[in-house]
Amino acid sequence: MKAIKLKKIGVDDIYVSVLKARRVTDEEGRTFTRAYEKEPQPTGSLVMDIVARALAEDSRVTLHDIAAAMGEDPRLLHAAFILVTGAMPRDFFNAYRLRQAREWLECTDLPIKEIARRSGFTSHGTMTRFFATAMKCTPKEYRRLRRPKDFRLLYEW
């Protein structure tokens, strides 16, 4: 039998923006507001479609929470998750939370403590440590480097 390759599903495949809309300019120079899609795109994996919906609703959710809602054994869901993503659930969920935090930092003026809460981190310190490890800078430094000066005009949240 020929080898079968599964496409590993990553955070970017299931991520749903925290933003409501973004101001864009088209090729003719017209500026308008474009709303963000609030439903996760189908992944082709029932497990990941459920995980995507759960994370889009509440990024504090855990794989155990999802397993309980599904009425499934957490160990089976854990194994299926690793098969589909190639990642440990905790690492994947933290990467999703980091993606959310980055978007909040780049596009809003929310306090970092509030961003940590909204992104599902247990505390401001936890987010800062995770952020520093993953991004090689603090959330405050990241915001200073990545947020455009006109962010209030560009984004709705």
N, C-alpha and C. Protein backbone atom coordinates (compact mmCIF):
# COMPACT_ATOMS: atom_id res chain seq x y z
N MET A 1 0.84 -1.17 0.00
CA MET A 1 0.00 0.00 0.00
C MET A 1 0.89 1.25 0.00
N LYS A 2 0.49 2.22 -0.75
CA LYS A 2 1.22 3.48 -0.85
C LYS A 2 1.06 4.25 0.47
N ALA A 3 2.10 4.97 0.85
CA ALA A 3 2.06 5.75 2.08
C ALA A 3 0.97 6.82 2.01
N ILE A 4 0.29 7.02 3.11
CA ILE A 4 -0.77 8.02 3.22
C ILE A 4 -0.30 9.13 4.14
N LYS A 5 -0.29 10.35 3.64
CA LYS A 5 0.14 11.49 4.44
C LYS A 5 -1.07 12.27 4.91
N LEU A 6 -1.17 12.46 6.22
CA LEU A 6 -2.21 13.31 6.77
C LEU A 6 -1.70 14.73 6.83
N LYS A 7 -2.53 15.67 6.42
CA LYS A 7 -2.17 17.08 6.58
C LYS A 7 -2.40 17.43 8.04
N LYS A 8 -1.35 17.88 8.70
CA LYS A 8 -1.46 18.28 10.09
C LYS A 8 -2.16 19.63 10.18
N ILE A 9 -3.13 19.71 11.06
CA ILE A 9 -3.91 20.92 11.23
C ILE A 9 -3.23 21.78 12.28
N GLY A 10 -2.99 23.04 11.94
CA GLY A 10 -2.33 23.97 12.85
C GLY A 10 -3.27 25.05 13.33
N VAL A 11 -2.75 25.88 14.21
CA VAL A 11 -3.54 26.97 14.78
C VAL A 11 -4.11 27.87 13.68
N ASP A 12 -3.30 28.20 12.69
CA ASP A 12 -3.78 29.09 11.62
C ASP A 12 -4.94 28.49 10.83
N ASP A 13 -5.03 27.16 10.82
CA ASP A 13 -6.13 26.50 10.11
C ASP A 13 -7.47 26.65 10.81
N ILE A 14 -7.45 26.88 12.12
CA ILE A 14 -8.71 26.95 12.87
C ILE A 14 -8.94 28.32 13.52
N TYR A 15 -7.98 29.22 13.42
CA TYR A 15 -8.07 30.47 14.16
C TYR A 15 -9.22 31.35 13.66
N VAL A 16 -9.93 31.94 14.63
CA VAL A 16 -10.99 32.91 14.35
C VAL A 16 -10.56 34.22 15.00
N SER A 17 -10.50 35.27 14.22
CA SER A 17 -10.03 36.57 14.70
C SER A 17 -10.88 37.08 15.86
N VAL A 18 -10.23 37.78 16.78
CA VAL A 18 -10.93 38.43 17.88
C VAL A 18 -11.52 39.76 17.42
N LEU A 19 -11.11 40.23 16.26
CA LEU A 19 -11.57 41.51 15.74
C LEU A 19 -12.94 41.39 15.08
N LYS A 20 -13.67 42.49 15.09
CA LYS A 20 -14.95 42.52 14.40
C LYS A 20 -14.77 42.89 12.93
N ALA A 21 -13.91 43.89 12.68
CA ALA A 21 -13.73 44.36 11.31
C ALA A 21 -12.39 45.08 11.16
N ARG A 22 -12.01 45.27 9.88
CA ARG A 22 -10.77 45.96 9.55
C ARG A 22 -11.05 46.91 8.38
N ARG A 23 -10.44 48.06 8.42
CA ARG A 23 -10.57 49.02 7.33
C ARG A 23 -9.57 48.62 6.25
N VAL A 24 -10.05 48.49 5.02
CA VAL A 24 -9.20 48.09 3.90
C VAL A 24 -9.40 49.05 2.73
N THR A 25 -8.41 49.08 1.86
CA THR A 25 -8.49 49.89 0.64
C THR A 25 -8.33 48.95 -0.54
N ASP A 26 -9.27 49.03 -1.50
CA ASP A 26 -9.21 48.13 -2.66
C ASP A 26 -8.31 48.71 -3.75
N GLU A 27 -8.22 48.00 -4.88
CA GLU A 27 -7.33 48.39 -5.98
C GLU A 27 -7.66 49.76 -6.56
N GLU A 28 -8.94 50.14 -6.51
CA GLU A 28 -9.36 51.44 -7.04
C GLU A 28 -9.17 52.57 -6.04
N GLY A 29 -8.66 52.26 -4.86
CA GLY A 29 -8.43 53.29 -3.86
C GLY A 29 -9.62 53.56 -2.95
N ARG A 30 -10.68 52.76 -3.06
CA ARG A 30 -11.85 52.94 -2.19
C ARG A 30 -11.56 52.29 -0.84
N THR A 31 -11.90 53.00 0.22
CA THR A 31 -11.70 52.50 1.57
C THR A 31 -13.05 52.09 2.15
N PHE A 32 -13.08 50.92 2.77
CA PHE A 32 -14.31 50.42 3.39
C PHE A 32 -13.96 49.50 4.54
N THR A 33 -14.97 49.15 5.31
CA THR A 33 -14.78 48.26 6.45
C THR A 33 -15.19 46.86 6.05
N ARG A 34 -14.31 45.89 6.31
CA ARG A 34 -14.59 44.50 6.00
C ARG A 34 -14.71 43.72 7.31
N ALA A 35 -15.85 43.08 7.51
CA ALA A 35 -16.08 42.28 8.72
C ALA A 35 -15.29 40.98 8.67
N TYR A 36 -14.85 40.54 9.82
CA TYR A 36 -14.16 39.26 9.93
C TYR A 36 -15.18 38.14 10.09
N GLU A 37 -14.87 37.00 9.51
CA GLU A 37 -15.70 35.80 9.67
C GLU A 37 -15.57 35.33 11.11
N LYS A 38 -16.69 35.01 11.73
CA LYS A 38 -16.67 34.59 13.13
C LYS A 38 -16.88 33.09 13.30
N GLU A 39 -17.04 32.38 12.21
CA GLU A 39 -17.17 30.92 12.26
C GLU A 39 -15.88 30.29 11.77
N PRO A 40 -15.37 29.29 12.49
CA PRO A 40 -14.17 28.61 12.01
C PRO A 40 -14.44 27.92 10.67
N GLN A 41 -13.43 27.88 9.84
CA GLN A 41 -13.54 27.19 8.56
C GLN A 41 -13.45 25.68 8.78
N PRO A 42 -14.20 24.89 8.04
CA PRO A 42 -14.12 23.43 8.19
C PRO A 42 -12.70 22.93 7.88
N THR A 43 -12.25 21.96 8.67
CA THR A 43 -10.90 21.44 8.51
C THR A 43 -10.87 20.07 7.84
N GLY A 44 -12.01 19.42 7.77
CA GLY A 44 -12.04 18.05 7.27
C GLY A 44 -11.89 17.04 8.40
N SER A 45 -11.74 17.53 9.62
CA SER A 45 -11.61 16.67 10.80
C SER A 45 -12.71 17.04 11.78
N LEU A 46 -13.55 16.07 12.10
CA LEU A 46 -14.63 16.31 13.06
C LEU A 46 -14.06 16.79 14.39
N VAL A 47 -12.99 16.15 14.84
CA VAL A 47 -12.37 16.52 16.11
C VAL A 47 -11.92 17.98 16.08
N MET A 48 -11.20 18.37 15.05
CA MET A 48 -10.68 19.73 15.00
C MET A 48 -11.77 20.76 14.74
N ASP A 49 -12.82 20.39 14.05
CA ASP A 49 -13.94 21.32 13.87
C ASP A 49 -14.59 21.62 15.22
N ILE A 50 -14.71 20.61 16.07
CA ILE A 50 -15.27 20.80 17.41
C ILE A 50 -14.32 21.64 18.25
N VAL A 51 -13.03 21.34 18.21
CA VAL A 51 -12.04 22.11 18.96
C VAL A 51 -12.05 23.57 18.49
N ALA A 52 -12.10 23.78 17.20
CA ALA A 52 -12.11 25.15 16.65
C ALA A 52 -13.30 25.95 17.16
N ARG A 53 -14.47 25.34 17.13
CA ARG A 53 -15.67 26.03 17.63
C ARG A 53 -15.54 26.35 19.12
N ALA A 54 -15.03 25.39 19.88
CA ALA A 54 -14.87 25.59 21.32
C ALA A 54 -13.88 26.71 21.62
N LEU A 55 -12.74 26.73 20.94
CA LEU A 55 -11.75 27.78 21.16
C LEU A 55 -12.25 29.15 20.70
N ALA A 56 -13.01 29.18 19.62
CA ALA A 56 -13.55 30.46 19.14
C ALA A 56 -14.54 31.04 20.15
N GLU A 57 -15.26 30.17 20.85
CA GLU A 57 -16.21 30.63 21.86
C GLU A 57 -15.53 31.04 23.16
N ASP A 58 -14.51 30.27 23.58
CA ASP A 58 -13.85 30.53 24.85
C ASP A 58 -12.46 29.93 24.82
N SER A 59 -11.44 30.77 24.74
CA SER A 59 -10.07 30.27 24.61
C SER A 59 -9.54 29.67 25.92
N ARG A 60 -10.32 29.75 27.00
CA ARG A 60 -9.91 29.11 28.25
C ARG A 60 -10.27 27.63 28.28
N VAL A 61 -10.99 27.16 27.29
CA VAL A 61 -11.45 25.78 27.25
C VAL A 61 -10.25 24.83 27.21
N THR A 62 -10.42 23.64 27.77
CA THR A 62 -9.38 22.62 27.74
C THR A 62 -9.88 21.41 26.96
N LEU A 63 -8.97 20.53 26.62
CA LEU A 63 -9.37 19.32 25.92
C LEU A 63 -10.30 18.47 26.80
N HIS A 64 -10.08 18.49 28.11
CA HIS A 64 -10.96 17.76 29.02
C HIS A 64 -12.38 18.34 28.99
N ASP A 65 -12.49 19.66 28.93
CA ASP A 65 -13.80 20.31 28.83
C ASP A 65 -14.52 19.86 27.56
N ILE A 66 -13.79 19.81 26.46
CA ILE A 66 -14.37 19.42 25.18
C ILE A 66 -14.78 17.95 25.22
N ALA A 67 -13.93 17.10 25.77
CA ALA A 67 -14.25 15.67 25.89
C ALA A 67 -15.51 15.47 26.72
N ALA A 68 -15.63 16.22 27.82
CA ALA A 68 -16.81 16.10 28.67
C ALA A 68 -18.07 16.54 27.92
N ALA A 69 -17.96 17.64 27.17
CA ALA A 69 -19.12 18.12 26.40
C ALA A 69 -19.52 17.11 25.32
N MET A 70 -18.54 16.39 24.79
CA MET A 70 -18.81 15.38 23.76
C MET A 70 -19.25 14.04 24.36
N GLY A 71 -19.04 13.88 25.67
CA GLY A 71 -19.33 12.60 26.30
C GLY A 71 -18.31 11.54 25.91
N GLU A 72 -17.07 11.97 25.63
CA GLU A 72 -16.02 11.05 25.20
C GLU A 72 -14.93 10.94 26.26
N ASP A 73 -14.19 9.86 26.19
CA ASP A 73 -13.05 9.64 27.07
C ASP A 73 -11.95 10.63 26.68
N PRO A 74 -11.46 11.43 27.64
CA PRO A 74 -10.41 12.41 27.32
C PRO A 74 -9.17 11.77 26.71
N ARG A 75 -8.85 10.54 27.10
CA ARG A 75 -7.65 9.88 26.54
C ARG A 75 -7.82 9.60 25.05
N LEU A 76 -9.02 9.24 24.63
CA LEU A 76 -9.26 9.00 23.20
C LEU A 76 -9.19 10.31 22.41
N LEU A 77 -9.77 11.36 22.97
CA LEU A 77 -9.73 12.66 22.29
C LEU A 77 -8.29 13.16 22.23
N HIS A 78 -7.54 12.94 23.29
CA HIS A 78 -6.13 13.32 23.33
C HIS A 78 -5.35 12.63 22.21
N ALA A 79 -5.55 11.33 22.05
CA ALA A 79 -4.86 10.57 21.00
C ALA A 79 -5.27 11.05 19.61
N ALA A 80 -6.57 11.28 19.42
CA ALA A 80 -7.06 11.76 18.12
C ALA A 80 -6.49 13.14 17.82
N PHE A 81 -6.41 13.98 18.84
CA PHE A 81 -5.88 15.33 18.68
C PHE A 81 -4.43 15.29 18.21
N ILE A 82 -3.62 14.46 18.85
CA ILE A 82 -2.21 14.34 18.47
C ILE A 82 -2.08 13.81 17.04
N LEU A 83 -2.91 12.85 16.67
CA LEU A 83 -2.88 12.30 15.32
C LEU A 83 -3.16 13.38 14.28
N VAL A 84 -4.14 14.22 14.55
CA VAL A 84 -4.58 15.22 13.58
C VAL A 84 -3.68 16.45 13.54
N THR A 85 -3.10 16.83 14.70
CA THR A 85 -2.30 18.05 14.74
C THR A 85 -0.80 17.80 14.81
N GLY A 86 -0.42 16.65 15.34
CA GLY A 86 1.00 16.38 15.56
C GLY A 86 1.53 17.11 16.78
N ALA A 87 0.64 17.68 17.58
CA ALA A 87 1.05 18.46 18.76
C ALA A 87 0.31 17.98 20.00
N MET A 88 0.92 18.24 21.13
CA MET A 88 0.25 17.99 22.40
C MET A 88 -0.85 19.03 22.55
N PRO A 89 -2.02 18.64 23.06
CA PRO A 89 -3.12 19.60 23.19
C PRO A 89 -2.75 20.86 23.96
N ARG A 90 -2.06 20.72 25.08
CA ARG A 90 -1.70 21.90 25.88
C ARG A 90 -0.86 22.87 25.05
N ASP A 91 0.11 22.36 24.29
CA ASP A 91 0.96 23.23 23.46
C ASP A 91 0.14 23.90 22.37
N PHE A 92 -0.76 23.15 21.75
CA PHE A 92 -1.60 23.69 20.68
C PHE A 92 -2.51 24.78 21.24
N PHE A 93 -3.14 24.52 22.37
CA PHE A 93 -4.06 25.49 22.96
C PHE A 93 -3.31 26.75 23.38
N ASN A 94 -2.10 26.59 23.92
CA ASN A 94 -1.31 27.76 24.28
C ASN A 94 -0.89 28.55 23.04
N ALA A 95 -0.60 27.87 21.95
CA ALA A 95 -0.27 28.56 20.69
C ALA A 95 -1.48 29.34 20.18
N TYR A 96 -2.68 28.78 20.33
CA TYR A 96 -3.91 29.48 19.95
C TYR A 96 -4.07 30.73 20.81
N ARG A 97 -3.87 30.58 22.13
CA ARG A 97 -3.99 31.72 23.04
C ARG A 97 -2.95 32.79 22.71
N LEU A 98 -1.75 32.36 22.36
CA LEU A 98 -0.71 33.30 21.97
C LEU A 98 -1.12 34.06 20.72
N ARG A 99 -1.70 33.38 19.77
CA ARG A 99 -2.17 34.03 18.52
C ARG A 99 -3.20 35.09 18.85
N GLN A 100 -4.13 34.76 19.77
CA GLN A 100 -5.14 35.74 20.19
C GLN A 100 -4.47 36.94 20.86
N ALA A 101 -3.57 36.66 21.78
CA ALA A 101 -2.90 37.74 22.51
C ALA A 101 -2.15 38.65 21.54
N ARG A 102 -1.47 38.06 20.58
CA ARG A 102 -0.74 38.87 19.59
C ARG A 102 -1.70 39.79 18.84
N GLU A 103 -2.85 39.27 18.46
CA GLU A 103 -3.82 40.09 17.72
C GLU A 103 -4.36 41.22 18.60
N TRP A 104 -4.68 40.91 19.86
CA TRP A 104 -5.15 41.96 20.77
C TRP A 104 -4.07 43.03 20.94
N LEU A 105 -2.81 42.61 21.08
CA LEU A 105 -1.72 43.57 21.28
C LEU A 105 -1.50 44.43 20.04
N GLU A 106 -1.59 43.85 18.86
CA GLU A 106 -1.35 44.57 17.61
C GLU A 106 -2.48 45.53 17.24
N CYS A 107 -3.69 45.23 17.68
CA CYS A 107 -4.85 45.93 17.12
C CYS A 107 -5.69 46.72 18.13
N THR A 108 -5.35 46.65 19.42
CA THR A 108 -6.17 47.33 20.42
C THR A 108 -5.29 48.07 21.42
N ASP A 109 -5.96 48.82 22.28
CA ASP A 109 -5.25 49.45 23.39
C ASP A 109 -5.69 48.85 24.72
N LEU A 110 -6.22 47.65 24.68
CA LEU A 110 -6.61 46.96 25.91
C LEU A 110 -5.39 46.77 26.80
N PRO A 111 -5.57 46.88 28.12
CA PRO A 111 -4.45 46.62 29.03
C PRO A 111 -3.96 45.18 28.89
N ILE A 112 -2.68 44.97 29.08
CA ILE A 112 -2.09 43.64 28.91
C ILE A 112 -2.73 42.64 29.87
N LYS A 113 -3.06 43.06 31.06
CA LYS A 113 -3.72 42.17 32.03
C LYS A 113 -5.07 41.68 31.47
N GLU A 114 -5.81 42.57 30.82
CA GLU A 114 -7.10 42.21 30.22
C GLU A 114 -6.90 41.29 29.02
N ILE A 115 -5.86 41.53 28.25
CA ILE A 115 -5.55 40.66 27.11
C ILE A 115 -5.24 39.25 27.59
N ALA A 116 -4.48 39.14 28.67
CA ALA A 116 -4.17 37.82 29.24
C ALA A 116 -5.45 37.10 29.61
N ARG A 117 -6.37 37.81 30.26
CA ARG A 117 -7.65 37.21 30.66
C ARG A 117 -8.47 36.78 29.45
N ARG A 118 -8.60 37.67 28.48
CA ARG A 118 -9.40 37.37 27.30
C ARG A 118 -8.79 36.26 26.45
N SER A 119 -7.49 36.13 26.48
CA SER A 119 -6.81 35.10 25.68
C SER A 119 -6.78 33.74 26.35
N GLY A 120 -7.27 33.67 27.58
CA GLY A 120 -7.36 32.38 28.24
C GLY A 120 -6.17 31.98 29.08
N PHE A 121 -5.22 32.89 29.26
CA PHE A 121 -4.10 32.59 30.15
C PHE A 121 -4.56 32.74 31.59
N THR A 122 -3.97 31.96 32.48
CA THR A 122 -4.40 31.96 33.88
C THR A 122 -4.05 33.25 34.61
N SER A 123 -3.04 33.97 34.12
CA SER A 123 -2.66 35.24 34.74
C SER A 123 -1.82 36.06 33.76
N HIS A 124 -1.63 37.33 34.13
CA HIS A 124 -0.78 38.22 33.34
C HIS A 124 0.64 37.67 33.31
N GLY A 125 1.13 37.20 34.45
CA GLY A 125 2.48 36.65 34.53
C GLY A 125 2.68 35.43 33.67
N THR A 126 1.67 34.56 33.65
CA THR A 126 1.74 33.35 32.83
C THR A 126 1.85 33.73 31.35
N MET A 127 1.02 34.68 30.93
CA MET A 127 1.07 35.10 29.54
C MET A 127 2.42 35.74 29.22
N THR A 128 2.93 36.58 30.12
CA THR A 128 4.20 37.24 29.87
C THR A 128 5.33 36.23 29.74
N ARG A 129 5.37 35.23 30.62
CA ARG A 129 6.42 34.19 30.54
C ARG A 129 6.29 33.40 29.25
N PHE A 130 5.07 32.99 28.91
CA PHE A 130 4.86 32.22 27.69
C PHE A 130 5.23 33.06 26.46
N PHE A 131 4.82 34.31 26.48
CA PHE A 131 5.08 35.23 25.38
C PHE A 131 6.59 35.43 25.20
N ALA A 132 7.29 35.66 26.29
CA ALA A 132 8.73 35.90 26.22
C ALA A 132 9.46 34.68 25.67
N THR A 133 9.02 33.49 26.04
CA THR A 133 9.64 32.27 25.54
C THR A 133 9.36 32.09 24.05
N ALA A 134 8.12 32.27 23.64
CA ALA A 134 7.73 32.02 22.25
C ALA A 134 8.14 33.14 21.30
N MET A 135 8.04 34.38 21.74
CA MET A 135 8.24 35.53 20.85
C MET A 135 9.56 36.25 21.08
N LYS A 136 10.28 35.87 22.12
CA LYS A 136 11.58 36.48 22.45
C LYS A 136 11.47 37.96 22.80
N CYS A 137 10.31 38.36 23.29
CA CYS A 137 10.11 39.72 23.79
C CYS A 137 8.90 39.71 24.72
N THR A 138 8.73 40.77 25.47
CA THR A 138 7.57 40.85 26.36
C THR A 138 6.35 41.32 25.56
N PRO A 139 5.15 41.14 26.10
CA PRO A 139 3.96 41.66 25.41
C PRO A 139 4.04 43.18 25.18
N LYS A 140 4.56 43.89 26.14
CA LYS A 140 4.68 45.35 26.01
C LYS A 140 5.61 45.71 24.85
N GLU A 141 6.74 45.03 24.75
CA GLU A 141 7.68 45.28 23.65
C GLU A 141 7.05 44.90 22.32
N TYR A 142 6.35 43.77 22.29
CA TYR A 142 5.70 43.31 21.06
C TYR A 142 4.70 44.37 20.58
N ARG A 143 3.91 44.89 21.50
CA ARG A 143 2.91 45.91 21.14
C ARG A 143 3.61 47.14 20.57
N ARG A 144 4.66 47.58 21.23
CA ARG A 144 5.39 48.78 20.78
C ARG A 144 5.94 48.58 19.37
N LEU A 145 6.42 47.36 19.07
CA LEU A 145 7.03 47.09 17.76
C LEU A 145 6.01 46.80 16.66
N ARG A 146 4.86 46.24 17.00
CA ARG A 146 3.94 45.72 15.98
C ARG A 146 2.65 46.51 15.77
N ARG A 147 2.23 47.31 16.73
CA ARG A 147 0.94 47.99 16.58
C ARG A 147 1.11 49.26 15.77
N PRO A 148 0.34 49.40 14.68
CA PRO A 148 0.43 50.62 13.87
C PRO A 148 -0.09 51.83 14.64
N LYS A 149 0.42 52.98 14.32
CA LYS A 149 0.01 54.22 15.01
C LYS A 149 -1.48 54.50 14.81
N ASP A 150 -2.01 54.13 13.66
CA ASP A 150 -3.42 54.40 13.35
C ASP A 150 -4.31 53.19 13.63
N PHE A 151 -3.95 52.35 14.60
CA PHE A 151 -4.70 51.12 14.85
C PHE A 151 -6.16 51.39 15.18
N ARG A 152 -6.47 52.52 15.82
CA ARG A 152 -7.87 52.83 16.16
C ARG A 152 -8.72 53.06 14.91
N LEU A 153 -8.09 53.54 13.84
CA LEU A 153 -8.80 53.77 12.59
C LEU A 153 -8.90 52.48 11.76
N LEU A 154 -7.96 51.58 11.96
CA LEU A 154 -7.89 50.37 11.14
C LEU A 154 -8.77 49.22 11.62
N TYR A 155 -8.97 49.10 12.93
CA TYR A 155 -9.61 47.91 13.47
C TYR A 155 -10.82 48.22 14.34
N GLU A 156 -11.79 47.33 14.31
CA GLU A 156 -12.92 47.35 15.24
C GLU A 156 -12.84 46.09 16.06
N TRP A 157 -13.02 46.23 17.38
CA TRP A 157 -12.98 45.05 18.23
C TRP A 157 -14.11 45.06 19.23
